């Protein structure tokens, strides 16, 4: 774990990242060898671009990550833990615009209250999306306003907790005849798994190794 996990350190590490040239494309080369990046990309390569915001708060004594619990009334992924986000719309000039718009709609964070810090590479999902995580520092005075049709709860997890590998529960999932390594976090009453947990691990790896 980095000795000085503060906003300056995180900003410096993420400054080396770049937005995807094409948010529909998921890198699958040697440097992106995780099975998700191969198995979840359909043969025709067509994926729907989507963006999520990984909102970071500088709480003085610690950095935290904001996560949401999706409404139980949703048709897909009801009740799961996720970052605010969704599919790219025609009005979105960039994938960052998508992530910021969705965060505003879902939890009331205005784009003007976010300082963009960097990007993780697009991640494919079984539902056919290429999801680009956009990392940003949110003004710590922001008051969340949840859209109950999409979000039932929002909570913060200390970034130190994410960075401690002892908090990861690792396993395997079988998909299309292949074994895929999976990870989850259990923070308080929340089970953080799937793509959300994978994004947290990728953020951890960038902060440790990039």
N, C-alpha and C. Protein backbone atom coordinates (compact mmCIF):
# COMPACT_ATOMS: atom_id res chain seq x y z
N UNK A 1 0.84 -1.19 0.00
CA UNK A 1 0.00 0.00 0.00
C UNK A 1 0.88 1.25 0.00
N UNK A 2 0.56 2.27 -0.79
CA UNK A 2 1.34 3.50 -0.78
C UNK A 2 1.40 4.11 0.62
N UNK A 3 2.53 4.68 0.97
CA UNK A 3 2.67 5.26 2.30
C UNK A 3 1.83 6.52 2.46
N UNK A 4 1.68 7.29 1.39
CA UNK A 4 0.96 8.56 1.46
C UNK A 4 -0.23 8.51 0.52
N UNK A 5 -1.30 7.90 0.97
CA UNK A 5 -2.49 7.79 0.14
C UNK A 5 -3.34 9.04 0.36
N UNK A 6 -2.98 10.10 -0.38
CA UNK A 6 -3.70 11.35 -0.26
C UNK A 6 -4.11 11.83 -1.65
N UNK A 7 -4.81 12.95 -1.70
CA UNK A 7 -5.34 13.43 -2.98
C UNK A 7 -4.21 13.75 -3.96
N UNK A 8 -3.12 14.31 -3.48
CA UNK A 8 -2.01 14.63 -4.36
C UNK A 8 -1.40 13.40 -4.98
N UNK A 9 -1.21 12.36 -4.17
CA UNK A 9 -0.65 11.11 -4.67
C UNK A 9 -1.55 10.49 -5.73
N UNK A 10 -2.86 10.41 -5.43
CA UNK A 10 -3.81 9.81 -6.37
C UNK A 10 -3.86 10.63 -7.67
N UNK A 11 -3.88 11.94 -7.55
CA UNK A 11 -3.91 12.80 -8.74
C UNK A 11 -2.70 12.57 -9.62
N UNK A 12 -1.52 12.46 -9.00
CA UNK A 12 -0.29 12.25 -9.77
C UNK A 12 -0.32 10.91 -10.50
N UNK A 13 -0.76 9.86 -9.83
CA UNK A 13 -0.83 8.55 -10.46
C UNK A 13 -1.81 8.54 -11.63
N UNK A 14 -2.99 9.12 -11.43
CA UNK A 14 -4.03 9.06 -12.46
C UNK A 14 -3.77 10.03 -13.60
N UNK A 15 -2.89 11.00 -13.39
CA UNK A 15 -2.57 11.96 -14.46
C UNK A 15 -1.95 11.26 -15.66
N UNK A 16 -1.42 10.08 -15.46
CA UNK A 16 -0.80 9.33 -16.56
C UNK A 16 -1.82 8.58 -17.40
N UNK A 17 -3.06 8.53 -16.95
CA UNK A 17 -4.09 7.79 -17.68
C UNK A 17 -4.75 8.69 -18.73
N UNK A 18 -5.40 8.06 -19.69
CA UNK A 18 -6.04 8.79 -20.78
C UNK A 18 -7.42 8.21 -21.05
N UNK A 19 -8.34 9.03 -21.58
CA UNK A 19 -9.65 8.49 -21.97
C UNK A 19 -9.49 7.57 -23.16
N UNK A 20 -10.41 6.64 -23.36
CA UNK A 20 -10.29 5.73 -24.51
C UNK A 20 -10.46 6.48 -25.82
N UNK A 21 -9.69 6.06 -26.83
CA UNK A 21 -9.85 6.67 -28.15
C UNK A 21 -11.23 6.39 -28.72
N UNK A 22 -11.74 5.20 -28.46
CA UNK A 22 -13.08 4.81 -28.89
C UNK A 22 -13.72 4.07 -27.73
N UNK A 23 -14.75 4.66 -27.09
CA UNK A 23 -15.33 4.03 -25.90
C UNK A 23 -16.09 2.73 -26.18
N UNK A 24 -16.22 2.35 -27.45
CA UNK A 24 -16.85 1.06 -27.78
C UNK A 24 -15.84 -0.07 -27.79
N UNK A 25 -14.56 0.27 -27.78
CA UNK A 25 -13.50 -0.73 -27.95
C UNK A 25 -12.87 -1.07 -26.61
N UNK A 26 -12.75 -2.36 -26.35
CA UNK A 26 -12.13 -2.85 -25.12
C UNK A 26 -10.77 -3.45 -25.47
N UNK A 27 -9.68 -2.96 -24.87
CA UNK A 27 -8.37 -3.53 -25.15
C UNK A 27 -8.32 -5.00 -24.73
N UNK A 28 -7.77 -5.85 -25.59
CA UNK A 28 -7.70 -7.28 -25.28
C UNK A 28 -6.29 -7.84 -25.50
N UNK A 29 -5.32 -6.97 -25.62
CA UNK A 29 -3.95 -7.42 -25.91
C UNK A 29 -3.26 -8.00 -24.69
N UNK A 30 -1.97 -8.23 -24.83
CA UNK A 30 -1.17 -8.89 -23.79
C UNK A 30 -1.23 -8.13 -22.47
N UNK A 31 -1.25 -6.79 -22.56
CA UNK A 31 -1.27 -5.99 -21.33
C UNK A 31 -2.63 -6.00 -20.66
N UNK A 32 -3.63 -6.51 -21.36
CA UNK A 32 -4.99 -6.56 -20.82
C UNK A 32 -5.50 -7.99 -20.85
N UNK A 33 -4.72 -8.87 -20.24
CA UNK A 33 -4.94 -10.31 -20.43
C UNK A 33 -6.02 -10.90 -19.55
N UNK A 34 -6.66 -10.11 -18.69
CA UNK A 34 -7.71 -10.67 -17.84
C UNK A 34 -8.79 -11.29 -18.71
N UNK A 35 -9.25 -12.51 -18.37
CA UNK A 35 -10.23 -13.21 -19.21
C UNK A 35 -11.50 -12.41 -19.52
N UNK A 36 -11.91 -11.53 -18.62
CA UNK A 36 -13.09 -10.71 -18.89
C UNK A 36 -12.94 -9.92 -20.18
N UNK A 37 -11.72 -9.53 -20.48
CA UNK A 37 -11.49 -8.68 -21.66
C UNK A 37 -11.52 -9.48 -22.95
N UNK A 38 -11.52 -10.80 -22.83
CA UNK A 38 -11.66 -11.64 -24.02
C UNK A 38 -13.06 -12.24 -24.11
N UNK A 39 -13.50 -12.84 -23.03
CA UNK A 39 -14.73 -13.63 -23.07
C UNK A 39 -15.98 -12.78 -23.15
N UNK A 40 -15.96 -11.57 -22.64
CA UNK A 40 -17.16 -10.75 -22.62
C UNK A 40 -17.28 -9.86 -23.86
N UNK A 41 -16.33 -9.95 -24.77
CA UNK A 41 -16.42 -9.20 -26.02
C UNK A 41 -17.00 -10.12 -27.08
N UNK A 42 -18.15 -9.76 -27.68
CA UNK A 42 -18.79 -10.63 -28.66
C UNK A 42 -17.94 -10.78 -29.92
N UNK A 43 -18.19 -11.84 -30.72
CA UNK A 43 -17.39 -12.07 -31.93
C UNK A 43 -17.34 -10.89 -32.88
N UNK A 44 -18.46 -10.15 -33.00
CA UNK A 44 -18.45 -9.02 -33.92
C UNK A 44 -17.82 -7.77 -33.32
N UNK A 45 -17.46 -7.85 -32.04
CA UNK A 45 -16.78 -6.74 -31.39
C UNK A 45 -17.66 -5.56 -31.06
N UNK A 46 -18.97 -5.65 -31.32
CA UNK A 46 -19.86 -4.53 -31.09
C UNK A 46 -20.28 -4.46 -29.63
N UNK A 47 -19.92 -3.38 -28.97
CA UNK A 47 -20.31 -3.15 -27.59
C UNK A 47 -20.95 -1.76 -27.47
N UNK A 48 -21.80 -1.60 -26.49
CA UNK A 48 -22.46 -0.32 -26.27
C UNK A 48 -21.61 0.50 -25.30
N UNK A 49 -21.19 1.70 -25.68
CA UNK A 49 -20.34 2.50 -24.78
C UNK A 49 -21.12 3.00 -23.57
N UNK A 50 -20.51 2.92 -22.42
CA UNK A 50 -21.10 3.39 -21.17
C UNK A 50 -19.99 3.97 -20.30
N UNK A 51 -20.39 4.81 -19.37
CA UNK A 51 -19.42 5.41 -18.47
C UNK A 51 -19.93 5.41 -17.04
N UNK A 52 -19.04 5.22 -16.10
CA UNK A 52 -19.39 5.35 -14.69
C UNK A 52 -18.41 6.32 -14.04
N UNK A 53 -18.88 7.01 -13.02
CA UNK A 53 -18.01 7.88 -12.24
C UNK A 53 -17.58 7.15 -10.99
N UNK A 54 -16.26 7.12 -10.75
CA UNK A 54 -15.74 6.65 -9.47
C UNK A 54 -15.50 7.90 -8.64
N UNK A 55 -16.46 8.26 -7.79
CA UNK A 55 -16.35 9.53 -7.04
C UNK A 55 -15.47 9.37 -5.80
N UNK A 56 -14.44 10.19 -5.72
CA UNK A 56 -13.56 10.19 -4.56
C UNK A 56 -13.82 11.45 -3.73
N UNK A 57 -13.81 11.29 -2.41
CA UNK A 57 -13.94 12.41 -1.49
C UNK A 57 -12.67 12.51 -0.64
N UNK A 58 -12.17 13.72 -0.49
CA UNK A 58 -11.05 13.96 0.41
C UNK A 58 -11.64 14.41 1.74
N UNK A 59 -11.69 13.49 2.69
CA UNK A 59 -12.30 13.77 3.99
C UNK A 59 -11.28 14.24 5.02
N UNK A 60 -10.12 14.67 4.55
CA UNK A 60 -9.09 15.17 5.46
C UNK A 60 -8.26 14.04 6.03
N UNK A 61 -8.83 13.26 6.92
CA UNK A 61 -8.09 12.16 7.54
C UNK A 61 -7.96 10.98 6.59
N UNK A 62 -8.84 10.90 5.59
CA UNK A 62 -8.80 9.78 4.67
C UNK A 62 -9.52 10.13 3.37
N UNK A 63 -9.22 9.34 2.32
CA UNK A 63 -9.96 9.42 1.07
C UNK A 63 -11.03 8.33 1.09
N UNK A 64 -12.18 8.64 0.51
CA UNK A 64 -13.25 7.65 0.44
C UNK A 64 -13.76 7.54 -0.99
N UNK A 65 -14.39 6.40 -1.27
CA UNK A 65 -15.01 6.13 -2.58
C UNK A 65 -16.51 6.02 -2.37
N UNK A 66 -17.27 6.74 -3.21
CA UNK A 66 -18.72 6.67 -3.12
C UNK A 66 -19.26 5.54 -3.99
N UNK A 67 -20.14 4.74 -3.41
CA UNK A 67 -20.81 3.67 -4.14
C UNK A 67 -22.31 3.78 -3.91
N UNK A 68 -23.09 3.19 -4.81
CA UNK A 68 -24.54 3.23 -4.67
C UNK A 68 -25.10 1.81 -4.62
N UNK A 69 -26.27 1.70 -4.02
CA UNK A 69 -27.03 0.46 -4.06
C UNK A 69 -28.19 0.69 -5.02
N UNK A 70 -28.24 -0.10 -6.08
CA UNK A 70 -29.26 0.10 -7.10
C UNK A 70 -30.65 -0.26 -6.56
N UNK A 71 -31.65 0.45 -7.05
CA UNK A 71 -33.02 0.23 -6.62
C UNK A 71 -33.45 -1.21 -6.85
N UNK A 72 -34.22 -1.75 -5.92
CA UNK A 72 -34.73 -3.11 -6.07
C UNK A 72 -35.81 -3.20 -7.15
N UNK A 73 -36.29 -2.04 -7.63
CA UNK A 73 -37.34 -2.03 -8.66
C UNK A 73 -36.77 -2.07 -10.08
N UNK A 74 -35.45 -1.97 -10.21
CA UNK A 74 -34.86 -1.96 -11.54
C UNK A 74 -34.95 -3.33 -12.20
N UNK A 75 -35.05 -3.33 -13.53
CA UNK A 75 -35.17 -4.57 -14.28
C UNK A 75 -33.86 -5.34 -14.29
N UNK A 76 -32.74 -4.63 -14.38
CA UNK A 76 -31.44 -5.28 -14.46
C UNK A 76 -30.59 -4.87 -13.25
N UNK A 77 -29.88 -5.85 -12.69
CA UNK A 77 -28.91 -5.62 -11.60
C UNK A 77 -29.55 -4.96 -10.38
N UNK A 78 -30.80 -5.28 -10.11
CA UNK A 78 -31.50 -4.70 -8.97
C UNK A 78 -30.79 -5.04 -7.66
N UNK A 79 -30.63 -4.04 -6.80
CA UNK A 79 -30.05 -4.24 -5.49
C UNK A 79 -28.54 -4.39 -5.46
N UNK A 80 -27.90 -4.38 -6.60
CA UNK A 80 -26.45 -4.56 -6.62
C UNK A 80 -25.73 -3.25 -6.28
N UNK A 81 -24.48 -3.39 -5.87
CA UNK A 81 -23.65 -2.24 -5.57
C UNK A 81 -22.95 -1.80 -6.85
N UNK A 82 -22.99 -0.50 -7.12
CA UNK A 82 -22.46 0.01 -8.39
C UNK A 82 -21.98 1.44 -8.22
N UNK A 83 -21.23 1.89 -9.21
CA UNK A 83 -20.92 3.31 -9.32
C UNK A 83 -22.03 3.98 -10.12
N UNK A 84 -22.29 5.27 -9.89
CA UNK A 84 -23.27 5.94 -10.73
C UNK A 84 -22.79 5.97 -12.18
N UNK A 85 -23.69 5.62 -13.10
CA UNK A 85 -23.30 5.59 -14.50
C UNK A 85 -24.36 4.99 -15.38
N UNK A 86 -24.07 4.94 -16.68
CA UNK A 86 -25.02 4.40 -17.64
C UNK A 86 -24.48 4.51 -19.05
N UNK A 87 -25.36 4.23 -20.00
CA UNK A 87 -24.94 4.21 -21.39
C UNK A 87 -24.72 5.61 -21.93
N UNK A 88 -23.84 5.70 -22.92
CA UNK A 88 -23.53 6.98 -23.56
C UNK A 88 -24.71 7.40 -24.43
N UNK A 89 -25.07 8.68 -24.35
CA UNK A 89 -26.14 9.24 -25.15
C UNK A 89 -25.56 10.13 -26.25
N UNK A 90 -26.37 10.39 -27.27
CA UNK A 90 -25.89 11.21 -28.39
C UNK A 90 -25.43 12.59 -27.96
N UNK A 91 -26.05 13.12 -26.93
CA UNK A 91 -25.70 14.47 -26.46
C UNK A 91 -24.37 14.51 -25.72
N UNK A 92 -23.83 13.34 -25.35
CA UNK A 92 -22.57 13.29 -24.62
C UNK A 92 -21.40 13.40 -25.59
N UNK A 93 -20.62 14.46 -25.45
CA UNK A 93 -19.48 14.65 -26.35
C UNK A 93 -18.35 13.67 -26.04
N UNK A 94 -18.20 13.30 -24.77
CA UNK A 94 -17.13 12.38 -24.35
C UNK A 94 -17.71 11.39 -23.34
N UNK A 95 -16.93 10.36 -23.08
CA UNK A 95 -17.37 9.37 -22.09
C UNK A 95 -17.36 9.98 -20.69
N UNK A 96 -16.52 10.98 -20.45
CA UNK A 96 -16.56 11.68 -19.17
C UNK A 96 -17.88 12.42 -19.00
N UNK A 97 -18.39 13.00 -20.10
CA UNK A 97 -19.70 13.66 -20.04
C UNK A 97 -20.78 12.67 -19.63
N UNK A 98 -20.67 11.45 -20.15
CA UNK A 98 -21.64 10.41 -19.79
C UNK A 98 -21.60 10.14 -18.29
N UNK A 99 -20.41 9.90 -17.77
CA UNK A 99 -20.26 9.58 -16.35
C UNK A 99 -20.76 10.72 -15.46
N UNK A 100 -20.43 11.95 -15.83
CA UNK A 100 -20.84 13.10 -15.03
C UNK A 100 -22.35 13.32 -15.10
N UNK A 101 -22.92 13.15 -16.28
CA UNK A 101 -24.37 13.32 -16.43
C UNK A 101 -25.12 12.29 -15.59
N UNK A 102 -24.67 11.05 -15.67
CA UNK A 102 -25.34 9.99 -14.92
C UNK A 102 -25.21 10.19 -13.42
N UNK A 103 -24.03 10.64 -12.97
CA UNK A 103 -23.85 10.89 -11.54
C UNK A 103 -24.76 12.02 -11.08
N UNK A 104 -24.96 13.01 -11.92
CA UNK A 104 -25.88 14.11 -11.58
C UNK A 104 -27.31 13.59 -11.48
N UNK A 105 -27.70 12.76 -12.44
CA UNK A 105 -29.06 12.23 -12.45
C UNK A 105 -29.33 11.28 -11.29
N UNK A 106 -28.36 10.44 -10.97
CA UNK A 106 -28.59 9.38 -9.98
C UNK A 106 -28.41 9.82 -8.54
N UNK A 107 -27.37 10.65 -8.28
CA UNK A 107 -27.07 11.01 -6.89
C UNK A 107 -26.93 12.51 -6.67
N UNK A 108 -27.22 13.32 -7.70
CA UNK A 108 -27.26 14.76 -7.52
C UNK A 108 -25.93 15.48 -7.47
N UNK A 109 -24.87 14.85 -7.94
CA UNK A 109 -23.56 15.51 -7.99
C UNK A 109 -23.46 16.30 -9.29
N UNK A 110 -23.46 17.62 -9.21
CA UNK A 110 -23.36 18.45 -10.41
C UNK A 110 -21.97 18.32 -11.02
N UNK A 111 -21.86 18.28 -12.35
CA UNK A 111 -20.55 18.17 -12.99
C UNK A 111 -19.56 19.24 -12.54
N UNK A 112 -20.04 20.42 -12.23
CA UNK A 112 -19.16 21.51 -11.82
C UNK A 112 -18.52 21.24 -10.46
N UNK A 113 -19.04 20.26 -9.72
CA UNK A 113 -18.49 19.95 -8.39
C UNK A 113 -17.52 18.78 -8.44
N UNK A 114 -17.13 18.38 -9.65
CA UNK A 114 -16.22 17.24 -9.81
C UNK A 114 -14.95 17.71 -10.52
N UNK A 115 -13.80 17.33 -9.95
CA UNK A 115 -12.52 17.56 -10.63
C UNK A 115 -12.04 16.22 -11.18
N UNK A 116 -12.05 16.11 -12.51
CA UNK A 116 -11.65 14.85 -13.12
C UNK A 116 -10.18 14.57 -12.83
N UNK A 117 -9.89 13.30 -12.51
CA UNK A 117 -8.53 12.92 -12.15
C UNK A 117 -7.93 11.92 -13.13
N UNK A 118 -8.77 11.07 -13.76
CA UNK A 118 -8.21 10.09 -14.67
C UNK A 118 -9.22 9.04 -15.08
N UNK A 119 -8.72 8.00 -15.73
CA UNK A 119 -9.57 6.99 -16.34
C UNK A 119 -9.00 5.59 -16.11
N UNK A 120 -9.89 4.61 -16.03
CA UNK A 120 -9.50 3.22 -16.15
C UNK A 120 -9.88 2.77 -17.55
N UNK A 121 -9.28 1.69 -18.02
CA UNK A 121 -9.58 1.23 -19.38
C UNK A 121 -10.99 0.63 -19.44
N UNK A 122 -11.65 0.74 -20.59
CA UNK A 122 -13.00 0.18 -20.73
C UNK A 122 -13.04 -1.29 -20.34
N UNK A 123 -14.12 -1.65 -19.68
CA UNK A 123 -14.32 -3.02 -19.19
C UNK A 123 -15.57 -3.59 -19.85
N UNK A 124 -15.49 -4.77 -20.45
CA UNK A 124 -16.69 -5.36 -21.05
C UNK A 124 -17.56 -6.02 -19.98
N UNK A 125 -18.86 -6.03 -20.22
CA UNK A 125 -19.78 -6.70 -19.30
C UNK A 125 -20.58 -7.74 -20.07
N UNK A 126 -21.15 -8.69 -19.33
CA UNK A 126 -21.93 -9.75 -19.98
C UNK A 126 -23.19 -9.18 -20.64
N UNK A 127 -23.60 -7.99 -20.24
CA UNK A 127 -24.80 -7.37 -20.82
C UNK A 127 -24.50 -6.61 -22.11
N UNK A 128 -23.24 -6.65 -22.58
CA UNK A 128 -22.91 -6.07 -23.88
C UNK A 128 -22.43 -4.64 -23.86
N UNK A 129 -21.95 -4.17 -22.71
CA UNK A 129 -21.47 -2.80 -22.61
C UNK A 129 -19.94 -2.76 -22.50
N UNK A 130 -19.37 -1.69 -23.01
CA UNK A 130 -17.97 -1.36 -22.74
C UNK A 130 -18.01 -0.19 -21.77
N UNK A 131 -17.68 -0.45 -20.52
CA UNK A 131 -17.84 0.54 -19.46
C UNK A 131 -16.50 1.19 -19.13
N UNK A 132 -16.44 2.50 -19.32
CA UNK A 132 -15.22 3.24 -18.97
C UNK A 132 -15.40 3.89 -17.61
N UNK A 133 -14.59 3.53 -16.62
CA UNK A 133 -14.63 4.21 -15.32
C UNK A 133 -13.87 5.53 -15.39
N UNK A 134 -14.51 6.59 -14.96
CA UNK A 134 -13.93 7.93 -14.92
C UNK A 134 -13.77 8.31 -13.46
N UNK A 135 -12.56 8.62 -13.05
CA UNK A 135 -12.28 8.91 -11.65
C UNK A 135 -12.28 10.42 -11.44
N UNK A 136 -12.98 10.87 -10.39
CA UNK A 136 -13.01 12.30 -10.12
C UNK A 136 -13.13 12.60 -8.64
N UNK A 137 -12.53 13.70 -8.22
CA UNK A 137 -12.66 14.17 -6.85
C UNK A 137 -13.89 15.07 -6.75
N UNK A 138 -14.75 14.77 -5.79
CA UNK A 138 -15.99 15.51 -5.61
C UNK A 138 -15.82 16.49 -4.45
N UNK A 139 -16.33 17.70 -4.63
CA UNK A 139 -16.34 18.70 -3.57
C UNK A 139 -16.96 18.08 -2.32
N UNK A 140 -16.23 18.13 -1.21
CA UNK A 140 -16.71 17.40 -0.02
C UNK A 140 -17.91 18.06 0.64
N UNK A 141 -18.33 19.23 0.13
CA UNK A 141 -19.53 19.86 0.68
C UNK A 141 -20.80 19.45 -0.06
N UNK A 142 -20.67 18.62 -1.08
CA UNK A 142 -21.82 18.21 -1.87
C UNK A 142 -22.82 17.45 -1.01
N UNK A 143 -24.09 17.78 -1.19
CA UNK A 143 -25.17 17.05 -0.54
C UNK A 143 -25.82 16.15 -1.59
N UNK A 144 -25.79 14.85 -1.36
CA UNK A 144 -26.34 13.92 -2.34
C UNK A 144 -27.86 14.02 -2.39
N UNK A 145 -28.39 13.89 -3.60
CA UNK A 145 -29.84 13.81 -3.81
C UNK A 145 -30.08 12.57 -4.66
N UNK A 146 -30.58 11.51 -4.04
CA UNK A 146 -30.72 10.24 -4.73
C UNK A 146 -32.00 10.19 -5.55
N UNK A 147 -31.91 9.63 -6.75
CA UNK A 147 -33.08 9.34 -7.56
C UNK A 147 -33.60 7.97 -7.13
N UNK A 148 -34.71 7.91 -6.41
CA UNK A 148 -35.16 6.63 -5.85
C UNK A 148 -35.57 5.60 -6.90
N UNK A 149 -35.82 6.05 -8.13
CA UNK A 149 -36.15 5.09 -9.18
C UNK A 149 -34.92 4.30 -9.62
N UNK A 150 -33.72 4.81 -9.29
CA UNK A 150 -32.49 4.14 -9.69
C UNK A 150 -31.61 3.74 -8.52
N UNK A 151 -31.64 4.53 -7.46
CA UNK A 151 -30.70 4.33 -6.35
C UNK A 151 -31.47 4.28 -5.03
N UNK A 152 -31.24 3.23 -4.26
CA UNK A 152 -31.90 3.13 -2.96
C UNK A 152 -31.01 3.61 -1.82
N UNK A 153 -29.69 3.64 -2.04
CA UNK A 153 -28.78 4.05 -0.98
C UNK A 153 -27.45 4.45 -1.60
N UNK A 154 -26.69 5.25 -0.87
CA UNK A 154 -25.32 5.59 -1.27
C UNK A 154 -24.47 5.60 -0.01
N UNK A 155 -23.23 5.14 -0.13
CA UNK A 155 -22.36 5.04 1.04
C UNK A 155 -20.91 5.20 0.59
N UNK A 156 -20.06 5.52 1.54
CA UNK A 156 -18.64 5.72 1.26
C UNK A 156 -17.81 4.59 1.87
N UNK A 157 -16.79 4.19 1.13
CA UNK A 157 -15.84 3.17 1.59
C UNK A 157 -14.47 3.82 1.64
N UNK A 158 -13.73 3.70 2.73
CA UNK A 158 -12.38 4.26 2.77
C UNK A 158 -11.50 3.66 1.68
N UNK A 159 -10.75 4.50 1.00
CA UNK A 159 -9.86 3.99 -0.05
C UNK A 159 -8.79 3.08 0.55
N UNK A 160 -8.41 3.33 1.80
CA UNK A 160 -7.46 2.44 2.46
C UNK A 160 -8.00 1.01 2.53
N UNK A 161 -9.30 0.87 2.72
CA UNK A 161 -9.92 -0.45 2.77
C UNK A 161 -9.77 -1.16 1.43
N UNK A 162 -9.99 -0.42 0.34
CA UNK A 162 -9.87 -0.99 -1.00
C UNK A 162 -8.42 -1.38 -1.28
N UNK A 163 -7.49 -0.59 -0.80
CA UNK A 163 -6.08 -0.84 -1.09
C UNK A 163 -5.51 -2.02 -0.32
N UNK A 164 -6.18 -2.44 0.73
CA UNK A 164 -5.69 -3.56 1.55
C UNK A 164 -6.17 -4.87 0.94
N UNK A 165 -5.25 -5.62 0.35
CA UNK A 165 -5.61 -6.85 -0.35
C UNK A 165 -6.24 -7.89 0.58
N UNK A 166 -6.04 -7.75 1.86
CA UNK A 166 -6.65 -8.69 2.80
C UNK A 166 -8.18 -8.56 2.81
N UNK A 167 -8.69 -7.48 2.28
CA UNK A 167 -10.14 -7.28 2.24
C UNK A 167 -10.78 -7.84 0.98
N UNK A 168 -9.98 -8.44 0.10
CA UNK A 168 -10.51 -9.06 -1.11
C UNK A 168 -10.83 -10.54 -0.85
N UNK A 169 -11.99 -10.96 -1.33
CA UNK A 169 -12.32 -12.38 -1.33
C UNK A 169 -12.25 -12.85 -2.78
N UNK A 170 -11.31 -13.75 -3.05
CA UNK A 170 -11.06 -14.18 -4.42
C UNK A 170 -11.67 -15.55 -4.68
N UNK A 171 -12.11 -15.74 -5.93
CA UNK A 171 -12.68 -17.02 -6.32
C UNK A 171 -12.63 -17.18 -7.82
N UNK A 172 -13.38 -18.16 -8.32
CA UNK A 172 -13.44 -18.42 -9.75
C UNK A 172 -14.90 -18.52 -10.18
N UNK A 173 -15.17 -18.10 -11.39
CA UNK A 173 -16.50 -18.22 -11.99
C UNK A 173 -16.36 -18.88 -13.34
N UNK A 174 -17.24 -19.80 -13.64
CA UNK A 174 -17.19 -20.48 -14.93
C UNK A 174 -18.08 -19.74 -15.93
N UNK A 175 -17.53 -19.43 -17.08
CA UNK A 175 -18.27 -18.72 -18.12
C UNK A 175 -17.84 -19.25 -19.48
N UNK A 176 -18.80 -19.76 -20.24
CA UNK A 176 -18.54 -20.29 -21.58
C UNK A 176 -17.37 -21.26 -21.61
N UNK A 177 -17.34 -22.12 -20.62
CA UNK A 177 -16.32 -23.16 -20.58
C UNK A 177 -14.98 -22.72 -20.04
N UNK A 178 -14.86 -21.45 -19.63
CA UNK A 178 -13.59 -20.95 -19.10
C UNK A 178 -13.76 -20.53 -17.64
N UNK A 179 -12.69 -20.65 -16.88
CA UNK A 179 -12.68 -20.21 -15.50
C UNK A 179 -12.18 -18.77 -15.44
N UNK A 180 -12.97 -17.91 -14.82
CA UNK A 180 -12.62 -16.49 -14.71
C UNK A 180 -12.36 -16.15 -13.25
N UNK A 181 -11.21 -15.55 -12.94
CA UNK A 181 -10.97 -15.11 -11.57
C UNK A 181 -11.90 -13.95 -11.21
N UNK A 182 -12.53 -14.04 -10.05
CA UNK A 182 -13.43 -12.98 -9.59
C UNK A 182 -13.01 -12.56 -8.19
N UNK A 183 -13.47 -11.37 -7.82
CA UNK A 183 -13.13 -10.83 -6.51
C UNK A 183 -14.35 -10.11 -5.96
N UNK A 184 -14.44 -10.06 -4.64
CA UNK A 184 -15.50 -9.26 -4.02
C UNK A 184 -14.97 -8.67 -2.72
N UNK A 185 -15.60 -7.58 -2.32
CA UNK A 185 -15.32 -6.94 -1.04
C UNK A 185 -16.60 -7.01 -0.21
N UNK A 186 -16.45 -7.17 1.09
CA UNK A 186 -17.60 -7.12 1.99
C UNK A 186 -17.33 -6.02 2.99
N UNK A 187 -18.02 -4.88 2.77
CA UNK A 187 -17.82 -3.72 3.63
C UNK A 187 -19.10 -3.45 4.39
N UNK A 188 -19.01 -3.56 5.72
CA UNK A 188 -20.19 -3.44 6.56
C UNK A 188 -21.26 -4.40 6.04
N UNK A 189 -22.44 -3.92 5.69
CA UNK A 189 -23.49 -4.85 5.23
C UNK A 189 -23.48 -5.03 3.72
N UNK A 190 -22.54 -4.42 3.03
CA UNK A 190 -22.57 -4.37 1.58
C UNK A 190 -21.62 -5.41 0.95
N UNK A 191 -22.14 -6.14 -0.01
CA UNK A 191 -21.33 -7.07 -0.81
C UNK A 191 -21.04 -6.39 -2.14
N UNK A 192 -19.77 -6.10 -2.39
CA UNK A 192 -19.34 -5.40 -3.60
C UNK A 192 -18.67 -6.43 -4.49
N UNK A 193 -19.27 -6.72 -5.63
CA UNK A 193 -18.78 -7.80 -6.48
C UNK A 193 -18.94 -7.42 -7.95
N UNK A 194 -18.67 -8.39 -8.83
CA UNK A 194 -18.85 -8.16 -10.26
C UNK A 194 -17.94 -7.09 -10.82
N UNK A 195 -18.46 -6.36 -11.81
CA UNK A 195 -17.66 -5.34 -12.49
C UNK A 195 -17.21 -4.24 -11.53
N UNK A 196 -18.06 -3.91 -10.55
CA UNK A 196 -17.70 -2.85 -9.60
C UNK A 196 -16.46 -3.23 -8.80
N UNK A 197 -16.43 -4.46 -8.29
CA UNK A 197 -15.25 -4.90 -7.55
C UNK A 197 -14.02 -4.94 -8.44
N UNK A 198 -14.21 -5.37 -9.71
CA UNK A 198 -13.09 -5.43 -10.64
C UNK A 198 -12.52 -4.03 -10.88
N UNK A 199 -13.39 -3.03 -10.99
CA UNK A 199 -12.93 -1.65 -11.19
C UNK A 199 -12.14 -1.16 -9.98
N UNK A 200 -12.59 -1.51 -8.78
CA UNK A 200 -11.86 -1.11 -7.59
C UNK A 200 -10.47 -1.74 -7.56
N UNK A 201 -10.38 -2.99 -7.97
CA UNK A 201 -9.07 -3.65 -8.02
C UNK A 201 -8.17 -2.99 -9.06
N UNK A 202 -8.73 -2.62 -10.21
CA UNK A 202 -7.93 -1.95 -11.24
C UNK A 202 -7.45 -0.59 -10.75
N UNK A 203 -8.30 0.13 -10.03
CA UNK A 203 -7.87 1.41 -9.45
C UNK A 203 -6.73 1.17 -8.47
N UNK A 204 -6.87 0.18 -7.61
CA UNK A 204 -5.81 -0.17 -6.66
C UNK A 204 -4.50 -0.47 -7.40
N UNK A 205 -4.58 -1.22 -8.48
CA UNK A 205 -3.36 -1.59 -9.21
C UNK A 205 -2.68 -0.37 -9.82
N UNK A 206 -3.46 0.56 -10.33
CA UNK A 206 -2.88 1.78 -10.89
C UNK A 206 -2.16 2.57 -9.79
N UNK A 207 -2.80 2.70 -8.66
CA UNK A 207 -2.21 3.49 -7.57
C UNK A 207 -0.95 2.83 -7.02
N UNK A 208 -0.90 1.51 -7.09
CA UNK A 208 0.28 0.80 -6.57
C UNK A 208 1.42 0.70 -7.58
N UNK A 209 1.06 0.52 -8.86
CA UNK A 209 2.08 0.09 -9.81
C UNK A 209 2.34 1.02 -10.97
N UNK A 210 1.41 1.88 -11.32
CA UNK A 210 1.56 2.64 -12.57
C UNK A 210 2.73 3.62 -12.49
